[in-house]
Amino acid sequence: METMACLTKGAVVAAAGLSVALLAGCGNSEKFNRAAYEVCLADAKKAGSNIASASFASFENAKVTSSTGDDQFRVNIPYELGSQKGLFQCIAEKNRDGSFKVADA
């Protein structure tokens, strides 16, 4: 019976450790989402873009989604250009060094 209690305690400790590791990984999600937003915002504002002078939504008002295990982030940034409202859509790819780039179309 003592062996079973030890195994159960060990399983609880292992599960707790895994939970902490997973939560630590989630801490980077806002960092990655913000980096994906920034690279897409820069792409929207680049010279020659027909919406470069638009007023773009902040990170908090944009929508960034990613797929589990995927290094691609879909970024949707609302904007206003004069009286016109629109949505700039972009795919940002995470590089090996943690930086982001706009995915090729």
C-alpha atoms as a PDB file:
ATOM      1  CA  MET A   1       0.000   0.000   0.000  1.00  0.00           C
ATOM      2  CA  GLU A   2       2.898   2.343   0.786  1.00  0.00           C
ATOM      3  CA  THR A   3       4.308   1.801  -2.723  1.00  0.00           C
ATOM      4  CA  MET A   4       0.955   2.744  -4.262  1.00  0.00           C
ATOM      5  CA  ALA A   5       0.800   5.961  -2.216  1.00  0.00           C
ATOM      6  CA  CYS A   6       4.342   6.828  -3.322  1.00  0.00           C
ATOM      7  CA  LEU A   7       3.454   6.224  -6.978  1.00  0.00           C
ATOM      8  CA  THR A   8       0.321   8.352  -6.665  1.00  0.00           C
ATOM      9  CA  LYS A   9       2.295  11.200  -5.074  1.00  0.00           C
ATOM     10  CA  GLY A  10       4.887  10.890  -7.822  1.00  0.00           C
ATOM     11  CA  ALA A  11       2.200  11.049 -10.498  1.00  0.00           C
ATOM     12  CA  VAL A  12       0.701  14.164  -8.897  1.00  0.00           C
ATOM     13  CA  VAL A  13       4.117  15.838  -8.730  1.00  0.00           C
ATOM     14  CA  ALA A  14       4.820  14.916 -12.366  1.00  0.00           C
ATOM     15  CA  ALA A  15       1.423  16.229 -13.492  1.00  0.00           C
ATOM     16  CA  ALA A  16       1.990  19.462 -11.566  1.00  0.00           C
ATOM     17  CA  GLY A  17       5.404  19.866 -13.186  1.00  0.00           C
ATOM     18  CA  LEU A  18       3.918  19.328 -16.632  1.00  0.00           C
ATOM     19  CA  SER A  19       1.200  21.892 -15.920  1.00  0.00           C
ATOM     20  CA  VAL A  20       3.791  24.478 -14.893  1.00  0.00           C
ATOM     21  CA  ALA A  21       5.802  23.802 -18.049  1.00  0.00           C
ATOM     22  CA  LEU A  22       2.726  24.152 -20.239  1.00  0.00           C
ATOM     23  CA  LEU A  23       1.695  27.377 -18.533  1.00  0.00           C
ATOM     24  CA  ALA A  24       5.204  28.763 -18.927  1.00  0.00           C
ATOM     25  CA  GLY A  25       4.918  28.088 -22.656  1.00  0.00           C
ATOM     26  CA  CYS A  26       1.608  29.953 -22.720  1.00  0.00           C
ATOM     27  CA  GLY A  27       3.366  32.975 -21.257  1.00  0.00           C
ATOM     28  CA  ASN A  28       5.117  33.379 -24.585  1.00  0.00           C
ATOM     29  CA  SER A  29       1.868  33.338 -26.541  1.00  0.00           C
ATOM     30  CA  GLU A  30       1.141  37.043 -25.973  1.00  0.00           C
ATOM     31  CA  LYS A  31       4.756  37.844 -26.818  1.00  0.00           C
ATOM     32  CA  PHE A  32       4.487  35.886 -30.077  1.00  0.00           C
ATOM     33  CA  ASN A  33       1.038  37.293 -30.876  1.00  0.00           C
ATOM     34  CA  ARG A  34       2.311  40.839 -30.361  1.00  0.00           C
ATOM     35  CA  ALA A  35       5.387  40.177 -32.530  1.00  0.00           C
ATOM     36  CA  ALA A  36       3.170  38.740 -35.295  1.00  0.00           C
ATOM     37  CA  TYR A  37       0.895  41.810 -35.033  1.00  0.00           C
ATOM     38  CA  GLU A  38       3.871  44.193 -35.259  1.00  0.00           C
ATOM     39  CA  VAL A  39       5.325  42.575 -38.391  1.00  0.00           C
ATOM     40  CA  CYS A  40       1.915  42.578 -40.086  1.00  0.00           C
ATOM     41  CA  LEU A  41       1.256  46.190 -39.063  1.00  0.00           C
ATOM     42  CA  ALA A  42       4.593  47.200 -40.575  1.00  0.00           C
ATOM     43  CA  ASP A  43       3.636  45.364 -43.773  1.00  0.00           C
ATOM     44  CA  ALA A  44       0.298  47.206 -43.926  1.00  0.00           C
ATOM     45  CA  LYS A  45       2.039  50.558 -43.469  1.00  0.00           C
ATOM     46  CA  LYS A  46       4.852  49.955 -45.954  1.00  0.00           C
ATOM     47  CA  ALA A  47       5.401  52.500 -48.700  1.00  0.00           C
ATOM     48  CA  GLY A  48       3.336  51.808 -51.762  1.00  0.00           C
ATOM     49  CA  SER A  49       0.517  50.156 -49.858  1.00  0.00           C
ATOM     50  CA  ASN A  50      -2.903  51.560 -50.758  1.00  0.00           C
ATOM     51  CA  ILE A  51      -3.785  51.627 -47.034  1.00  0.00           C
ATOM     52  CA  ALA A  52      -0.432  52.884 -45.693  1.00  0.00           C
ATOM     53  CA  SER A  53      -1.990  56.077 -44.336  1.00  0.00           C
ATOM     54  CA  ALA A  54      -4.952  54.331 -42.676  1.00  0.00           C
ATOM     55  CA  SER A  55      -5.627  54.393 -38.960  1.00  0.00           C
ATOM     56  CA  PHE A  56      -4.995  50.851 -37.675  1.00  0.00           C
ATOM     57  CA  ALA A  57      -6.420  49.168 -34.589  1.00  0.00           C
ATOM     58  CA  SER A  58      -4.138  48.560 -31.633  1.00  0.00           C
ATOM     59  CA  PHE A  59      -2.861  45.101 -30.756  1.00  0.00           C
ATOM     60  CA  GLU A  60      -5.615  44.777 -28.148  1.00  0.00           C
ATOM     61  CA  ASN A  61      -8.280  45.386 -30.816  1.00  0.00           C
ATOM     62  CA  ALA A  62      -6.737  43.128 -33.453  1.00  0.00           C
ATOM     63  CA  LYS A  63      -7.198  39.370 -33.650  1.00  0.00           C
ATOM     64  CA  VAL A  64      -4.204  37.055 -33.750  1.00  0.00           C
ATOM     65  CA  THR A  65      -4.650  33.292 -33.976  1.00  0.00           C
ATOM     66  CA  SER A  66      -2.229  30.445 -34.424  1.00  0.00           C
ATOM     67  CA  SER A  67      -2.460  26.725 -34.925  1.00  0.00           C
ATOM     68  CA  THR A  68      -1.066  24.355 -32.334  1.00  0.00           C
ATOM     69  CA  GLY A  69       2.369  23.212 -33.405  1.00  0.00           C
ATOM     70  CA  ASP A  70       2.346  25.648 -36.289  1.00  0.00           C
ATOM     71  CA  ASP A  71       4.695  28.588 -36.701  1.00  0.00           C
ATOM     72  CA  GLN A  72       2.149  30.599 -38.672  1.00  0.00           C
ATOM     73  CA  PHE A  73      -0.065  33.238 -37.104  1.00  0.00           C
ATOM     74  CA  ARG A  74      -3.132  34.711 -38.804  1.00  0.00           C
ATOM     75  CA  VAL A  75      -3.428  38.420 -37.999  1.00  0.00           C
ATOM     76  CA  ASN A  76      -6.554  40.497 -38.636  1.00  0.00           C
ATOM     77  CA  ILE A  77      -6.144  44.241 -38.070  1.00  0.00           C
ATOM     78  CA  PRO A  78      -9.185  46.508 -38.478  1.00  0.00           C
ATOM     79  CA  TYR A  79      -8.470  49.888 -40.056  1.00  0.00           C
ATOM     80  CA  GLU A  80     -10.162  53.100 -41.140  1.00  0.00           C
ATOM     81  CA  LEU A  81      -9.171  55.114 -44.174  1.00  0.00           C
ATOM     82  CA  GLY A  82     -11.305  58.223 -44.406  1.00  0.00           C
ATOM     83  CA  SER A  83     -14.857  57.005 -44.046  1.00  0.00           C
ATOM     84  CA  GLN A  84     -13.956  53.508 -45.258  1.00  0.00           C
ATOM     85  CA  LYS A  85     -13.527  50.677 -42.746  1.00  0.00           C
ATOM     86  CA  GLY A  86     -11.616  47.564 -43.638  1.00  0.00           C
ATOM     87  CA  LEU A  87      -9.713  44.578 -42.342  1.00  0.00           C
ATOM     88  CA  PHE A  88      -6.051  43.990 -43.132  1.00  0.00           C
ATOM     89  CA  GLN A  89      -5.285  40.265 -43.112  1.00  0.00           C
ATOM     90  CA  CYS A  90      -1.814  38.833 -42.896  1.00  0.00           C
ATOM     91  CA  ILE A  91      -0.013  35.573 -42.163  1.00  0.00           C
ATOM     92  CA  ALA A  92       3.107  35.965 -40.039  1.00  0.00           C
ATOM     93  CA  GLU A  93       5.653  33.152 -39.841  1.00  0.00           C
ATOM     94  CA  LYS A  94       7.869  32.613 -36.834  1.00  0.00           C
ATOM     95  CA  ASN A  95      11.538  32.186 -37.730  1.00  0.00           C
ATOM     96  CA  ARG A  96      13.857  29.816 -35.866  1.00  0.00           C
ATOM     97  CA  ASP A  97      15.371  32.737 -33.961  1.00  0.00           C
ATOM     98  CA  GLY A  98      11.931  33.779 -32.644  1.00  0.00           C
ATOM     99  CA  SER A  99      11.552  36.767 -34.981  1.00  0.00           C
ATOM    100  CA  PHE A 100       8.666  37.018 -37.442  1.00  0.00           C
ATOM    101  CA  LYS A 101       8.268  37.690 -41.149  1.00  0.00           C
ATOM    102  CA  VAL A 102       5.246  38.078 -43.396  1.00  0.00           C
ATOM    103  CA  ALA A 103       4.573  34.800 -45.185  1.00  0.00           C
ATOM    104  CA  ASP A 104       4.912  34.791 -48.939  1.00  0.00           C
ATOM    105  CA  ALA A 105       1.562  34.802 -50.703  1.00  0.00           C
END
